[in-house]
Amino acid sequence: MTTATIDIGTLIVRTPDIRGGRPRIAGTGVTVQRIVGWYKLGLTPEEIASEFGHLALAQVHAALAYYHANREEIESAIAAENAEAARLTQQHCQSVGAVA
């Protein structure tokens, strides 16, 4: 029995109209950032693949490999996303406070 060889270069893609062009696992909407977030929370690649059953272990490892090869890019995107979340939270709290 032979198995098909997968070109690992095809596992991570960027498409301008999906997820804002952020790198993601091909065929899914799961971004590398999301995988990294779960990994930083302490989930192993096996746990991530198991928890999110539509992801193969190879896909999770490809996302983590992409992260380690492009750490500055991904960390910058994570920091920008966190800053935007903090800004929106502060804006919401100020608008709620003004109404009360």
Protein backbone atom coordinates (compact mmCIF):
# COMPACT_ATOMS: atom_id res chain seq x y z
CA MET A 1 0.00 0.00 0.00
CA THR A 2 1.40 3.37 -0.97
CA THR A 3 0.42 6.68 0.48
CA ALA A 4 0.40 9.99 -1.29
CA THR A 5 3.29 12.29 -0.53
CA ILE A 6 2.24 15.73 0.66
CA ASP A 7 4.32 18.75 -0.27
CA ILE A 8 4.50 20.55 3.08
CA GLY A 9 4.84 23.82 1.22
CA THR A 10 1.17 23.52 0.29
CA LEU A 11 -0.10 23.26 3.88
CA ILE A 12 0.04 27.00 4.68
CA VAL A 13 -1.51 29.55 2.31
CA ARG A 14 -2.39 33.24 2.13
CA THR A 15 -5.42 34.50 0.29
CA PRO A 16 -6.16 38.24 0.35
CA ASP A 17 -9.92 37.76 0.70
CA ILE A 18 -9.76 35.13 3.48
CA ARG A 19 -8.81 36.07 7.04
CA GLY A 20 -7.37 39.35 5.85
CA GLY A 21 -4.56 37.60 4.01
CA ARG A 22 -3.09 36.17 7.21
CA PRO A 23 -1.29 32.84 6.80
CA ARG A 24 -3.68 29.96 7.44
CA ILE A 25 -3.92 26.22 7.10
CA ALA A 26 -4.89 25.44 3.50
CA GLY A 27 -8.50 24.39 3.07
CA THR A 28 -9.52 25.88 6.41
CA GLY A 29 -10.04 29.28 7.96
CA VAL A 30 -7.69 28.42 10.83
CA THR A 31 -4.86 30.94 10.96
CA VAL A 32 -1.31 30.32 12.07
CA GLN A 33 -1.96 32.94 14.76
CA ARG A 34 -4.81 30.85 16.17
CA ILE A 35 -2.66 27.70 16.28
CA VAL A 36 0.12 29.66 18.00
CA GLY A 37 -2.38 31.02 20.52
CA TRP A 38 -3.52 27.52 21.47
CA TYR A 39 0.10 26.35 21.59
CA LYS A 40 1.03 29.23 23.91
CA LEU A 41 -1.88 28.26 26.17
CA GLY A 42 -0.10 24.95 26.68
CA LEU A 43 -1.86 22.66 24.21
CA THR A 44 0.40 20.19 22.44
CA PRO A 45 0.18 19.82 18.67
CA GLU A 46 -1.55 16.48 19.25
CA GLU A 47 -4.12 18.12 21.56
CA ILE A 48 -4.79 20.90 19.05
CA ALA A 49 -5.34 18.38 16.23
CA SER A 50 -7.54 16.23 18.48
CA GLU A 51 -9.57 19.14 19.88
CA PHE A 52 -10.21 20.56 16.44
CA GLY A 53 -10.87 17.31 14.60
CA HIS A 54 -10.82 18.77 11.12
CA LEU A 55 -7.09 19.54 11.52
CA ALA A 56 -4.48 16.89 10.81
CA LEU A 57 -1.41 16.73 13.02
CA ALA A 58 0.75 17.56 9.98
CA GLN A 59 -1.25 20.77 9.47
CA VAL A 60 -0.72 21.83 13.08
CA HIS A 61 3.01 21.13 12.84
CA ALA A 62 3.16 23.07 9.56
CA ALA A 63 1.52 26.07 11.24
CA LEU A 64 4.00 25.91 14.12
CA ALA A 65 6.91 25.52 11.69
CA TYR A 66 5.66 28.60 9.82
CA TYR A 67 5.51 30.48 13.12
CA HIS A 68 9.05 29.51 14.12
CA ALA A 69 10.37 30.44 10.67
CA ASN A 70 8.47 33.76 10.68
CA ARG A 71 8.26 34.54 14.39
CA GLU A 72 8.63 38.32 14.03
CA GLU A 73 5.76 38.51 11.51
CA ILE A 74 3.38 36.42 13.62
CA GLU A 75 4.31 38.04 16.94
CA SER A 76 3.76 41.47 15.37
CA ALA A 77 0.32 40.40 14.12
CA ILE A 78 -0.57 39.00 17.55
CA ALA A 79 0.55 42.24 19.24
CA ALA A 80 -1.51 44.33 16.79
CA GLU A 81 -4.58 42.15 17.38
CA ASN A 82 -4.15 42.43 21.17
CA ALA A 83 -3.74 46.21 20.95
CA GLU A 84 -6.91 46.51 18.87
CA ALA A 85 -8.82 44.34 21.35
CA ALA A 86 -7.61 46.52 24.23
CA ARG A 87 -8.59 49.68 22.35
CA LEU A 88 -12.08 48.35 21.63
CA THR A 89 -12.51 47.24 25.25
CA GLN A 90 -11.49 50.66 26.51
CA GLN A 91 -13.78 52.36 24.02
CA HIS A 92 -16.68 50.15 25.08
CA CYS A 93 -16.05 50.73 28.78
CA GLN A 94 -15.94 54.49 28.24
CA SER A 95 -19.21 54.46 26.27
CA VAL A 96 -20.92 52.30 28.91
CA GLY A 97 -19.63 54.61 31.65
CA ALA A 98 -20.95 57.66 29.82
CA VAL A 99 -24.42 56.10 29.61
CA ALA A 100 -24.61 55.04 33.26
